[in-house]
Amino acid sequence: MENIVFGIGITAMAGALASVAGAAENVESDIGSQGDPNSQVQLAPQMGYIHRIFNKAIAGEPPAYGAWCAIGAGLAMGFIALQVNPILALILGCAITAFVQGVYATTAYLGRIASLAKFGQPVYIDILKSMTTVTMAHAFVAIFTTVSLCYLMNAALGHPFPLPLLGIVWGIALGAAGSATGNPFYGKERQYQNQKFGAGVPVAASGNIVRYAEAGQRNSLDNGWFSAKLGGPASGVCFGLIVFLELWRTVLFEPVGHGWGAIIVGVLLILVFTIIDRYIEVWARKTYGPYAKPAEVKT
């Protein structure tokens, strides 16, 4: 009984860390225009729309955060092997990784803008200096919380995977949660506020992103402010639930049937969420009607 209570406590702590990681990852991604919405930011200058949005898409969010969390976990594991306090080791490993992320963000931004030089898109030095440090700060929070929950799984719950491998797995899961849950808030709700809600993005509007904020030209800090209110919390809840439910079923049902109990509960959870998702989709379609065709949308 004590082991179960201890395991549930670790599960709750890991879920809380994951919620913070999901929120920080999504805000970092949207400030840097990484992931799905980046294509419209990259396309804008080619369509004649010069902007001040940071454009760093190093890679898709899942592989990028798989790499960051693996590097942070590997460095932390090395520091722990050198008899450094585990908490300090986690901080040092993730801090170094944040600087690695900053280097990649800088080279990605300069490389992408250089490729757009013939379309008249300039390199804004103030954007490079201000946005890079902000993305590094958010990346550090996301990496540190993710590597910390990996350490809890390894040290407290006795997970057999080494820390770097856990970092890869949960880093990919973190990036996928942010990409699937948080990006629509930035890519559709923020970039295309000049389009009718629910109309999608017409081909003629490709690249015509909103480039002006409430005061002056919009930059990525404006996008981060928007995402921190909506997309960030949504991504945090998503990743937090993934981690919590995964560890919860393992802690409670792993002893049942030599591990089959946890597998069966996992399948049941998937079925329950599938039914809930289907119900919400049908309810939304019946309540708000079918999607309007482009010709039917009034401008």
C-alpha atoms as a PDB file:
ATOM      1  CA  MET A   1       0.000   0.000   0.000  1.00  0.00           C
ATOM      2  CA  GLU A   2       2.817   2.419   0.837  1.00  0.00           C
ATOM      3  CA  ASN A   3       4.446   1.735  -2.517  1.00  0.00           C
ATOM      4  CA  ILE A   4       1.187   2.531  -4.320  1.00  0.00           C
ATOM      5  CA  VAL A   5       0.699   5.785  -2.406  1.00  0.00           C
ATOM      6  CA  PHE A   6       4.307   6.751  -3.101  1.00  0.00           C
ATOM      7  CA  GLY A   7       3.869   5.897  -6.772  1.00  0.00           C
ATOM      8  CA  ILE A   8       0.692   7.978  -7.063  1.00  0.00           C
ATOM      9  CA  GLY A   9       2.514  10.917  -5.440  1.00  0.00           C
ATOM     10  CA  ILE A  10       5.329  10.647  -7.988  1.00  0.00           C
ATOM     11  CA  THR A  11       2.722  10.351 -10.736  1.00  0.00           C
ATOM     12  CA  ALA A  12       1.007  13.550  -9.609  1.00  0.00           C
ATOM     13  CA  MET A  13       4.332  15.404  -9.448  1.00  0.00           C
ATOM     14  CA  ALA A  14       5.313  14.155 -12.901  1.00  0.00           C
ATOM     15  CA  GLY A  15       1.933  15.236 -14.278  1.00  0.00           C
ATOM     16  CA  ALA A  16       2.408  18.722 -12.815  1.00  0.00           C
ATOM     17  CA  LEU A  17       5.885  18.981 -14.354  1.00  0.00           C
ATOM     18  CA  ALA A  18       4.484  17.821 -17.685  1.00  0.00           C
ATOM     19  CA  SER A  19       1.780  20.505 -17.588  1.00  0.00           C
ATOM     20  CA  VAL A  20       4.426  23.207 -17.175  1.00  0.00           C
ATOM     21  CA  ALA A  21       6.536  21.606 -19.913  1.00  0.00           C
ATOM     22  CA  GLY A  22       3.642  21.552 -22.378  1.00  0.00           C
ATOM     23  CA  ALA A  23       2.797  25.205 -21.779  1.00  0.00           C
ATOM     24  CA  ALA A  24       6.430  26.359 -22.076  1.00  0.00           C
ATOM     25  CA  GLU A  25       7.070  24.253 -25.170  1.00  0.00           C
ATOM     26  CA  ASN A  26       4.085  25.657 -27.041  1.00  0.00           C
ATOM     27  CA  VAL A  27       4.900  29.275 -26.220  1.00  0.00           C
ATOM     28  CA  GLU A  28       8.534  28.725 -27.238  1.00  0.00           C
ATOM     29  CA  SER A  29       7.417  27.121 -30.474  1.00  0.00           C
ATOM     30  CA  ASP A  30       5.013  29.933 -31.345  1.00  0.00           C
ATOM     31  CA  ILE A  31       7.522  32.676 -30.533  1.00  0.00           C
ATOM     32  CA  GLY A  32       9.967  30.965 -32.881  1.00  0.00           C
ATOM     33  CA  SER A  33       7.340  30.044 -35.512  1.00  0.00           C
ATOM     34  CA  GLN A  34       8.370  26.424 -35.289  1.00  0.00           C
ATOM     35  CA  GLY A  35       6.129  23.616 -36.440  1.00  0.00           C
ATOM     36  CA  ASP A  36       3.094  23.768 -38.708  1.00  0.00           C
ATOM     37  CA  PRO A  37       2.428  27.566 -38.698  1.00  0.00           C
ATOM     38  CA  ASN A  38       5.988  28.247 -39.829  1.00  0.00           C
ATOM     39  CA  SER A  39       5.133  27.499 -43.464  1.00  0.00           C
ATOM     40  CA  GLN A  40       2.965  30.615 -43.689  1.00  0.00           C
ATOM     41  CA  VAL A  41       5.654  32.750 -42.036  1.00  0.00           C
ATOM     42  CA  GLN A  42       8.197  31.413 -44.520  1.00  0.00           C
ATOM     43  CA  LEU A  43       5.813  31.981 -47.432  1.00  0.00           C
ATOM     44  CA  ALA A  44       4.840  35.565 -46.525  1.00  0.00           C
ATOM     45  CA  PRO A  45       7.876  37.380 -48.032  1.00  0.00           C
ATOM     46  CA  GLN A  46       7.541  35.328 -51.200  1.00  0.00           C
ATOM     47  CA  MET A  47       4.005  36.709 -51.542  1.00  0.00           C
ATOM     48  CA  GLY A  48       5.200  40.265 -50.908  1.00  0.00           C
ATOM     49  CA  TYR A  49       4.403  40.492 -47.191  1.00  0.00           C
ATOM     50  CA  ILE A  50       7.494  41.599 -45.260  1.00  0.00           C
ATOM     51  CA  HIS A  51       7.237  40.859 -41.521  1.00  0.00           C
ATOM     52  CA  ARG A  52       9.044  41.006 -38.184  1.00  0.00           C
ATOM     53  CA  ILE A  53       8.231  37.456 -37.063  1.00  0.00           C
ATOM     54  CA  PHE A  54      11.038  35.230 -35.772  1.00  0.00           C
ATOM     55  CA  ASN A  55      11.434  32.313 -38.158  1.00  0.00           C
ATOM     56  CA  LYS A  56      13.622  29.550 -36.793  1.00  0.00           C
ATOM     57  CA  ALA A  57      11.962  26.187 -37.534  1.00  0.00           C
ATOM     58  CA  ILE A  58      14.983  24.007 -36.768  1.00  0.00           C
ATOM     59  CA  ALA A  59      12.869  20.896 -37.291  1.00  0.00           C
ATOM     60  CA  GLY A  60       9.384  19.714 -36.464  1.00  0.00           C
ATOM     61  CA  GLU A  61       8.646  20.040 -32.775  1.00  0.00           C
ATOM     62  CA  PRO A  62       8.713  16.294 -31.937  1.00  0.00           C
ATOM     63  CA  PRO A  63      12.222  15.579 -33.301  1.00  0.00           C
ATOM     64  CA  ALA A  64      13.545  18.940 -32.047  1.00  0.00           C
ATOM     65  CA  TYR A  65      12.377  18.385 -28.487  1.00  0.00           C
ATOM     66  CA  GLY A  66      13.383  14.749 -28.641  1.00  0.00           C
ATOM     67  CA  ALA A  67      16.907  16.009 -29.352  1.00  0.00           C
ATOM     68  CA  TRP A  68      16.849  18.762 -26.695  1.00  0.00           C
ATOM     69  CA  CYS A  69      15.537  16.495 -23.948  1.00  0.00           C
ATOM     70  CA  ALA A  70      17.960  13.706 -24.893  1.00  0.00           C
ATOM     71  CA  ILE A  71      20.904  16.140 -24.747  1.00  0.00           C
ATOM     72  CA  GLY A  72      19.732  17.573 -21.418  1.00  0.00           C
ATOM     73  CA  ALA A  73      19.156  14.111 -19.958  1.00  0.00           C
ATOM     74  CA  GLY A  74      22.515  12.849 -21.220  1.00  0.00           C
ATOM     75  CA  LEU A  75      24.384  15.793 -19.723  1.00  0.00           C
ATOM     76  CA  ALA A  76      22.517  15.450 -16.436  1.00  0.00           C
ATOM     77  CA  MET A  77      23.337  11.748 -16.341  1.00  0.00           C
ATOM     78  CA  GLY A  78      27.002  12.562 -16.903  1.00  0.00           C
ATOM     79  CA  PHE A  79      27.037  15.128 -14.087  1.00  0.00           C
ATOM     80  CA  ILE A  80      25.333  12.646 -11.751  1.00  0.00           C
ATOM     81  CA  ALA A  81      28.027  10.093 -12.629  1.00  0.00           C
ATOM     82  CA  LEU A  82      30.568  12.718 -11.510  1.00  0.00           C
ATOM     83  CA  GLN A  83      28.890  12.782  -8.081  1.00  0.00           C
ATOM     84  CA  VAL A  84      27.154  16.122  -8.675  1.00  0.00           C
ATOM     85  CA  ASN A  85      23.919  16.648  -6.717  1.00  0.00           C
ATOM     86  CA  PRO A  86      21.055  15.342  -8.925  1.00  0.00           C
ATOM     87  CA  ILE A  87      19.044  18.586  -8.779  1.00  0.00           C
ATOM     88  CA  LEU A  88      22.109  20.654  -9.695  1.00  0.00           C
ATOM     89  CA  ALA A  89      22.978  18.118 -12.385  1.00  0.00           C
ATOM     90  CA  LEU A  90      19.521  18.506 -13.951  1.00  0.00           C
ATOM     91  CA  ILE A  91      19.823  22.294 -13.885  1.00  0.00           C
ATOM     92  CA  LEU A  92      23.305  22.323 -15.405  1.00  0.00           C
ATOM     93  CA  GLY A  93      22.456  19.791 -18.111  1.00  0.00           C
ATOM     94  CA  CYS A  94      19.301  21.633 -19.175  1.00  0.00           C
ATOM     95  CA  ALA A  95      20.990  25.063 -19.015  1.00  0.00           C
ATOM     96  CA  ILE A  96      23.738  23.908 -21.369  1.00  0.00           C
ATOM     97  CA  THR A  97      21.099  22.431 -23.672  1.00  0.00           C
ATOM     98  CA  ALA A  98      19.265  25.773 -23.728  1.00  0.00           C
ATOM     99  CA  PHE A  99      22.435  27.387 -25.084  1.00  0.00           C
ATOM    100  CA  VAL A 100      22.673  24.670 -27.735  1.00  0.00           C
ATOM    101  CA  GLN A 101      19.073  25.442 -28.655  1.00  0.00           C
ATOM    102  CA  GLY A 102      19.966  29.130 -28.873  1.00  0.00           C
ATOM    103  CA  VAL A 103      22.803  28.399 -31.304  1.00  0.00           C
ATOM    104  CA  TYR A 104      20.515  26.357 -33.520  1.00  0.00           C
ATOM    105  CA  ALA A 105      17.799  29.027 -33.328  1.00  0.00           C
ATOM    106  CA  THR A 106      20.256  31.739 -34.382  1.00  0.00           C
ATOM    107  CA  THR A 107      21.670  29.825 -37.330  1.00  0.00           C
ATOM    108  CA  ALA A 108      18.197  28.690 -38.415  1.00  0.00           C
ATOM    109  CA  TYR A 109      16.844  32.251 -38.323  1.00  0.00           C
ATOM    110  CA  LEU A 110      19.771  33.700 -40.258  1.00  0.00           C
ATOM    111  CA  GLY A 111      19.735  30.845 -42.749  1.00  0.00           C
ATOM    112  CA  ARG A 112      16.016  31.103 -43.428  1.00  0.00           C
ATOM    113  CA  ILE A 113      16.057  34.886 -43.770  1.00  0.00           C
ATOM    114  CA  ALA A 114      19.101  34.682 -46.053  1.00  0.00           C
ATOM    115  CA  SER A 115      17.125  32.380 -48.326  1.00  0.00           C
ATOM    116  CA  LEU A 116      14.421  35.073 -48.533  1.00  0.00           C
ATOM    117  CA  ALA A 117      16.790  37.956 -49.335  1.00  0.00           C
ATOM    118  CA  LYS A 118      15.750  38.051 -52.999  1.00  0.00           C
ATOM    119  CA  PHE A 119      12.173  38.701 -51.862  1.00  0.00           C
ATOM    120  CA  GLY A 120      13.241  41.742 -49.860  1.00  0.00           C
ATOM    121  CA  GLN A 121      12.963  40.237 -46.378  1.00  0.00           C
ATOM    122  CA  PRO A 122      15.622  41.898 -44.157  1.00  0.00           C
ATOM    123  CA  VAL A 123      17.364  40.483 -41.097  1.00  0.00           C
ATOM    124  CA  TYR A 124      16.174  42.453 -38.085  1.00  0.00           C
ATOM    125  CA  ILE A 125      19.031  42.407 -35.571  1.00  0.00           C
ATOM    126  CA  ASP A 126      16.774  43.553 -32.714  1.00  0.00           C
ATOM    127  CA  ILE A 127      14.401  40.666 -33.432  1.00  0.00           C
ATOM    128  CA  LEU A 128      17.297  38.196 -33.499  1.00  0.00           C
ATOM    129  CA  LYS A 129      18.712  39.423 -30.192  1.00  0.00           C
ATOM    130  CA  SER A 130      15.442  39.755 -28.298  1.00  0.00           C
ATOM    131  CA  MET A 131      13.580  36.683 -29.572  1.00  0.00           C
ATOM    132  CA  THR A 132      16.468  34.235 -29.297  1.00  0.00           C
ATOM    133  CA  THR A 133      16.899  34.846 -25.576  1.00  0.00           C
ATOM    134  CA  VAL A 134      13.144  34.528 -25.004  1.00  0.00           C
ATOM    135  CA  THR A 135      12.951  31.213 -26.856  1.00  0.00           C
ATOM    136  CA  MET A 136      15.979  29.970 -24.899  1.00  0.00           C
ATOM    137  CA  ALA A 137      14.266  30.817 -21.613  1.00  0.00           C
ATOM    138  CA  HIS A 138      11.075  29.001 -22.559  1.00  0.00           C
ATOM    139  CA  ALA A 139      13.064  26.081 -23.966  1.00  0.00           C
ATOM    140  CA  PHE A 140      14.975  25.765 -20.689  1.00  0.00           C
ATOM    141  CA  VAL A 141      11.709  25.524 -18.721  1.00  0.00           C
ATOM    142  CA  ALA A 142      10.302  22.909 -21.109  1.00  0.00           C
ATOM    143  CA  ILE A 143      13.512  20.847 -21.179  1.00  0.00           C
ATOM    144  CA  PHE A 144      14.133  21.051 -17.435  1.00  0.00           C
ATOM    145  CA  THR A 145      10.612  19.964 -16.466  1.00  0.00           C
ATOM    146  CA  THR A 146      10.625  17.123 -18.993  1.00  0.00           C
ATOM    147  CA  VAL A 147      14.048  15.826 -17.961  1.00  0.00           C
ATOM    148  CA  SER A 148      12.996  16.143 -14.311  1.00  0.00           C
ATOM    149  CA  LEU A 149       9.948  13.959 -14.829  1.00  0.00           C
ATOM    150  CA  CYS A 150      12.176  11.470 -16.666  1.00  0.00           C
ATOM    151  CA  TYR A 151      14.494  11.458 -13.647  1.00  0.00           C
ATOM    152  CA  LEU A 152      11.518  10.821 -11.334  1.00  0.00           C
ATOM    153  CA  MET A 153      10.468   7.872 -13.484  1.00  0.00           C
ATOM    154  CA  ASN A 154      14.000   6.494 -13.457  1.00  0.00           C
ATOM    155  CA  ALA A 155      15.022   7.096  -9.841  1.00  0.00           C
ATOM    156  CA  ALA A 156      11.707   6.905  -7.972  1.00  0.00           C
ATOM    157  CA  LEU A 157       9.655   4.468 -10.049  1.00  0.00           C
ATOM    158  CA  GLY A 158      12.556   2.290 -11.172  1.00  0.00           C
ATOM    159  CA  HIS A 159      11.968   2.617 -14.925  1.00  0.00           C
ATOM    160  CA  PRO A 160      14.453   0.369 -16.764  1.00  0.00           C
ATOM    161  CA  PHE A 161      15.236   2.864 -19.553  1.00  0.00           C
ATOM    162  CA  PRO A 162      18.332   5.054 -19.032  1.00  0.00           C
ATOM    163  CA  LEU A 163      17.739   8.783 -18.626  1.00  0.00           C
ATOM    164  CA  PRO A 164      18.732   9.848 -22.194  1.00  0.00           C
ATOM    165  CA  LEU A 165      16.396   7.285 -23.760  1.00  0.00           C
ATOM    166  CA  LEU A 166      13.532   8.484 -21.573  1.00  0.00           C
ATOM    167  CA  GLY A 167      14.428  12.011 -22.686  1.00  0.00           C
ATOM    168  CA  ILE A 168      14.047  11.050 -26.342  1.00  0.00           C
ATOM    169  CA  VAL A 169      10.687   9.328 -25.781  1.00  0.00           C
ATOM    170  CA  TRP A 170       9.096  12.030 -23.656  1.00  0.00           C
ATOM    171  CA  GLY A 171      10.711  14.854 -25.657  1.00  0.00           C
ATOM    172  CA  ILE A 172       9.056  13.528 -28.807  1.00  0.00           C
ATOM    173  CA  ALA A 173       5.766  13.207 -26.917  1.00  0.00           C
ATOM    174  CA  LEU A 174       6.119  16.783 -25.636  1.00  0.00           C
ATOM    175  CA  GLY A 175       6.728  18.175 -29.116  1.00  0.00           C
ATOM    176  CA  ALA A 176       3.836  16.180 -30.548  1.00  0.00           C
ATOM    177  CA  ALA A 177       1.451  17.434 -27.847  1.00  0.00           C
ATOM    178  CA  GLY A 178       2.422  21.059 -28.457  1.00  0.00           C
ATOM    179  CA  SER A 179       2.275  20.690 -32.231  1.00  0.00           C
ATOM    180  CA  ALA A 180      -1.143  19.017 -32.278  1.00  0.00           C
ATOM    181  CA  THR A 181      -2.803  21.014 -29.494  1.00  0.00           C
ATOM    182  CA  GLY A 182      -1.215  24.442 -29.307  1.00  0.00           C
ATOM    183  CA  ASN A 183      -0.260  25.272 -32.898  1.00  0.00           C
ATOM    184  CA  PRO A 184      -3.832  25.855 -34.149  1.00  0.00           C
ATOM    185  CA  PHE A 185      -4.184  28.757 -31.699  1.00  0.00           C
ATOM    186  CA  TYR A 186      -1.196  30.471 -33.296  1.00  0.00           C
ATOM    187  CA  GLY A 187      -1.413  29.272 -36.882  1.00  0.00           C
ATOM    188  CA  LYS A 188      -5.146  29.768 -37.416  1.00  0.00           C
ATOM    189  CA  GLU A 189      -6.431  32.048 -34.686  1.00  0.00           C
ATOM    190  CA  ARG A 190      -3.477  34.462 -34.539  1.00  0.00           C
ATOM    191  CA  GLN A 191      -1.886  34.504 -37.970  1.00  0.00           C
ATOM    192  CA  TYR A 192      -5.206  34.771 -39.795  1.00  0.00           C
ATOM    193  CA  GLN A 193      -7.337  37.006 -37.623  1.00  0.00           C
ATOM    194  CA  ASN A 194      -8.232  38.873 -40.804  1.00  0.00           C
ATOM    195  CA  GLN A 195     -10.128  35.823 -42.122  1.00  0.00           C
ATOM    196  CA  LYS A 196     -13.655  34.812 -41.212  1.00  0.00           C
ATOM    197  CA  PHE A 197     -13.631  32.386 -38.286  1.00  0.00           C
ATOM    198  CA  GLY A 198     -14.023  28.785 -39.443  1.00  0.00           C
ATOM    199  CA  ALA A 199     -13.492  29.636 -43.109  1.00  0.00           C
ATOM    200  CA  GLY A 200     -10.020  28.148 -43.294  1.00  0.00           C
ATOM    201  CA  VAL A 201      -7.262  29.824 -45.284  1.00  0.00           C
ATOM    202  CA  PRO A 202      -8.137  30.423 -48.964  1.00  0.00           C
ATOM    203  CA  VAL A 203      -5.325  29.808 -51.431  1.00  0.00           C
ATOM    204  CA  ALA A 204      -5.386  33.491 -52.374  1.00  0.00           C
ATOM    205  CA  ALA A 205      -4.634  34.386 -48.728  1.00  0.00           C
ATOM    206  CA  SER A 206      -1.593  32.130 -48.420  1.00  0.00           C
ATOM    207  CA  GLY A 207       1.229  34.065 -46.805  1.00  0.00           C
ATOM    208  CA  ASN A 208      -0.998  37.056 -46.050  1.00  0.00           C
ATOM    209  CA  ILE A 209      -0.489  36.739 -42.306  1.00  0.00           C
ATOM    210  CA  VAL A 210      -1.456  39.490 -39.877  1.00  0.00           C
ATOM    211  CA  ARG A 211       1.675  41.618 -39.567  1.00  0.00           C
ATOM    212  CA  TYR A 212       0.459  44.458 -37.367  1.00  0.00           C
ATOM    213  CA  ALA A 213      -0.215  44.347 -33.645  1.00  0.00           C
ATOM    214  CA  GLU A 214      -2.313  46.599 -31.440  1.00  0.00           C
ATOM    215  CA  ALA A 215       0.486  49.183 -31.576  1.00  0.00           C
ATOM    216  CA  GLY A 216       2.979  49.036 -34.419  1.00  0.00           C
ATOM    217  CA  GLN A 217       4.286  46.029 -36.301  1.00  0.00           C
ATOM    218  CA  ARG A 218       3.655  42.630 -34.811  1.00  0.00           C
ATOM    219  CA  ASN A 219       6.589  40.562 -33.656  1.00  0.00           C
ATOM    220  CA  SER A 220       6.941  37.170 -32.039  1.00  0.00           C
ATOM    221  CA  LEU A 221       6.570  38.507 -28.496  1.00  0.00           C
ATOM    222  CA  ASP A 222       3.001  39.459 -29.418  1.00  0.00           C
ATOM    223  CA  ASN A 223       2.439  35.891 -30.583  1.00  0.00           C
ATOM    224  CA  GLY A 224       3.935  34.549 -27.364  1.00  0.00           C
ATOM    225  CA  TRP A 225       1.616  36.741 -25.299  1.00  0.00           C
ATOM    226  CA  PHE A 226      -1.367  35.376 -27.221  1.00  0.00           C
ATOM    227  CA  SER A 227      -0.210  31.752 -26.980  1.00  0.00           C
ATOM    228  CA  ALA A 228       0.525  32.003 -23.262  1.00  0.00           C
ATOM    229  CA  LYS A 229      -3.174  32.726 -22.667  1.00  0.00           C
ATOM    230  CA  LEU A 230      -4.681  30.024 -24.886  1.00  0.00           C
ATOM    231  CA  GLY A 231      -2.424  27.588 -26.701  1.00  0.00           C
ATOM    232  CA  GLY A 232       0.071  27.175 -23.874  1.00  0.00           C
ATOM    233  CA  PRO A 233      -2.432  26.069 -21.212  1.00  0.00           C
ATOM    234  CA  ALA A 234      -4.158  23.768 -23.721  1.00  0.00           C
ATOM    235  CA  SER A 235      -0.846  22.099 -24.579  1.00  0.00           C
ATOM    236  CA  GLY A 236       0.030  21.869 -20.889  1.00  0.00           C
ATOM    237  CA  VAL A 237      -3.233  20.104 -20.049  1.00  0.00           C
ATOM    238  CA  CYS A 238      -2.714  17.744 -22.987  1.00  0.00           C
ATOM    239  CA  PHE A 239       0.834  16.706 -22.106  1.00  0.00           C
ATOM    240  CA  GLY A 240       0.071  16.660 -18.379  1.00  0.00           C
ATOM    241  CA  LEU A 241      -2.806  14.235 -18.904  1.00  0.00           C
ATOM    242  CA  ILE A 242      -0.676  12.032 -21.161  1.00  0.00           C
ATOM    243  CA  VAL A 243       2.045  11.707 -18.523  1.00  0.00           C
ATOM    244  CA  PHE A 244      -0.326  11.377 -15.572  1.00  0.00           C
ATOM    245  CA  LEU A 245      -2.591   8.743 -17.125  1.00  0.00           C
ATOM    246  CA  GLU A 246       0.372   6.774 -18.484  1.00  0.00           C
ATOM    247  CA  LEU A 247       2.098   6.592 -15.097  1.00  0.00           C
ATOM    248  CA  TRP A 248      -1.183   6.174 -13.194  1.00  0.00           C
ATOM    249  CA  ARG A 249      -2.167   3.017 -15.057  1.00  0.00           C
ATOM    250  CA  THR A 250       1.364   1.645 -14.743  1.00  0.00           C
ATOM    251  CA  VAL A 251       1.641   2.263 -10.996  1.00  0.00           C
ATOM    252  CA  LEU A 252      -1.786   0.829 -10.160  1.00  0.00           C
ATOM    253  CA  PHE A 253      -2.186  -2.018 -12.640  1.00  0.00           C
ATOM    254  CA  GLU A 254       1.333  -3.188 -13.489  1.00  0.00           C
ATOM    255  CA  PRO A 255       1.206  -5.877 -10.744  1.00  0.00           C
ATOM    256  CA  VAL A 256      -2.044  -7.289 -12.185  1.00  0.00           C
ATOM    257  CA  GLY A 257      -1.568 -10.222 -14.522  1.00  0.00           C
ATOM    258  CA  HIS A 258       2.196  -9.727 -14.920  1.00  0.00           C
ATOM    259  CA  GLY A 259       1.724  -6.356 -16.621  1.00  0.00           C
ATOM    260  CA  TRP A 260      -1.341  -7.225 -18.708  1.00  0.00           C
ATOM    261  CA  GLY A 261      -3.552  -5.237 -16.354  1.00  0.00           C
ATOM    262  CA  ALA A 262      -1.779  -1.989 -17.298  1.00  0.00           C
ATOM    263  CA  ILE A 263      -2.031  -2.829 -21.011  1.00  0.00           C
ATOM    264  CA  ILE A 264      -5.774  -3.540 -20.772  1.00  0.00           C
ATOM    265  CA  VAL A 265      -6.412  -0.325 -18.842  1.00  0.00           C
ATOM    266  CA  GLY A 266      -4.411   1.592 -21.468  1.00  0.00           C
ATOM    267  CA  VAL A 267      -6.576   0.169 -24.268  1.00  0.00           C
ATOM    268  CA  LEU A 268      -9.734   1.019 -22.320  1.00  0.00           C
ATOM    269  CA  LEU A 269      -8.525   4.617 -21.830  1.00  0.00           C
ATOM    270  CA  ILE A 270      -7.940   4.950 -25.574  1.00  0.00           C
ATOM    271  CA  LEU A 271     -11.468   3.664 -26.294  1.00  0.00           C
ATOM    272  CA  VAL A 272     -13.020   6.026 -23.745  1.00  0.00           C
ATOM    273  CA  PHE A 273     -11.249   9.061 -25.190  1.00  0.00           C
ATOM    274  CA  THR A 274     -12.147   7.972 -28.731  1.00  0.00           C
ATOM    275  CA  ILE A 275     -15.841   7.824 -27.792  1.00  0.00           C
ATOM    276  CA  ILE A 276     -15.648  11.237 -26.061  1.00  0.00           C
ATOM    277  CA  ASP A 277     -13.902  12.798 -29.075  1.00  0.00           C
ATOM    278  CA  ARG A 278     -16.480  11.364 -31.459  1.00  0.00           C
ATOM    279  CA  TYR A 279     -19.353  12.623 -29.311  1.00  0.00           C
ATOM    280  CA  ILE A 280     -17.894  16.151 -29.197  1.00  0.00           C
ATOM    281  CA  GLU A 281     -17.342  16.189 -32.964  1.00  0.00           C
ATOM    282  CA  VAL A 282     -20.910  15.055 -33.744  1.00  0.00           C
ATOM    283  CA  TRP A 283     -22.333  17.545 -31.228  1.00  0.00           C
ATOM    284  CA  ALA A 284     -20.334  20.397 -32.749  1.00  0.00           C
ATOM    285  CA  ARG A 285     -21.395  19.544 -36.307  1.00  0.00           C
ATOM    286  CA  LYS A 286     -25.072  19.322 -35.341  1.00  0.00           C
ATOM    287  CA  THR A 287     -24.911  22.505 -33.272  1.00  0.00           C
ATOM    288  CA  TYR A 288     -22.982  24.716 -35.678  1.00  0.00           C
ATOM    289  CA  GLY A 289     -23.847  23.073 -38.963  1.00  0.00           C
ATOM    290  CA  PRO A 290     -21.575  21.808 -41.753  1.00  0.00           C
ATOM    291  CA  TYR A 291     -18.417  23.622 -42.724  1.00  0.00           C
ATOM    292  CA  ALA A 292     -19.121  26.406 -45.193  1.00  0.00           C
ATOM    293  CA  LYS A 293     -17.636  26.111 -48.644  1.00  0.00           C
ATOM    294  CA  PRO A 294     -15.301  28.937 -49.680  1.00  0.00           C
ATOM    295  CA  ALA A 295     -17.906  30.320 -52.100  1.00  0.00           C
ATOM    296  CA  GLU A 296     -20.498  30.472 -49.311  1.00  0.00           C
ATOM    297  CA  VAL A 297     -18.324  32.458 -46.925  1.00  0.00           C
ATOM    298  CA  LYS A 298     -19.268  36.110 -46.839  1.00  0.00           C
ATOM    299  CA  THR A 299     -16.388  38.581 -46.737  1.00  0.00           C
END
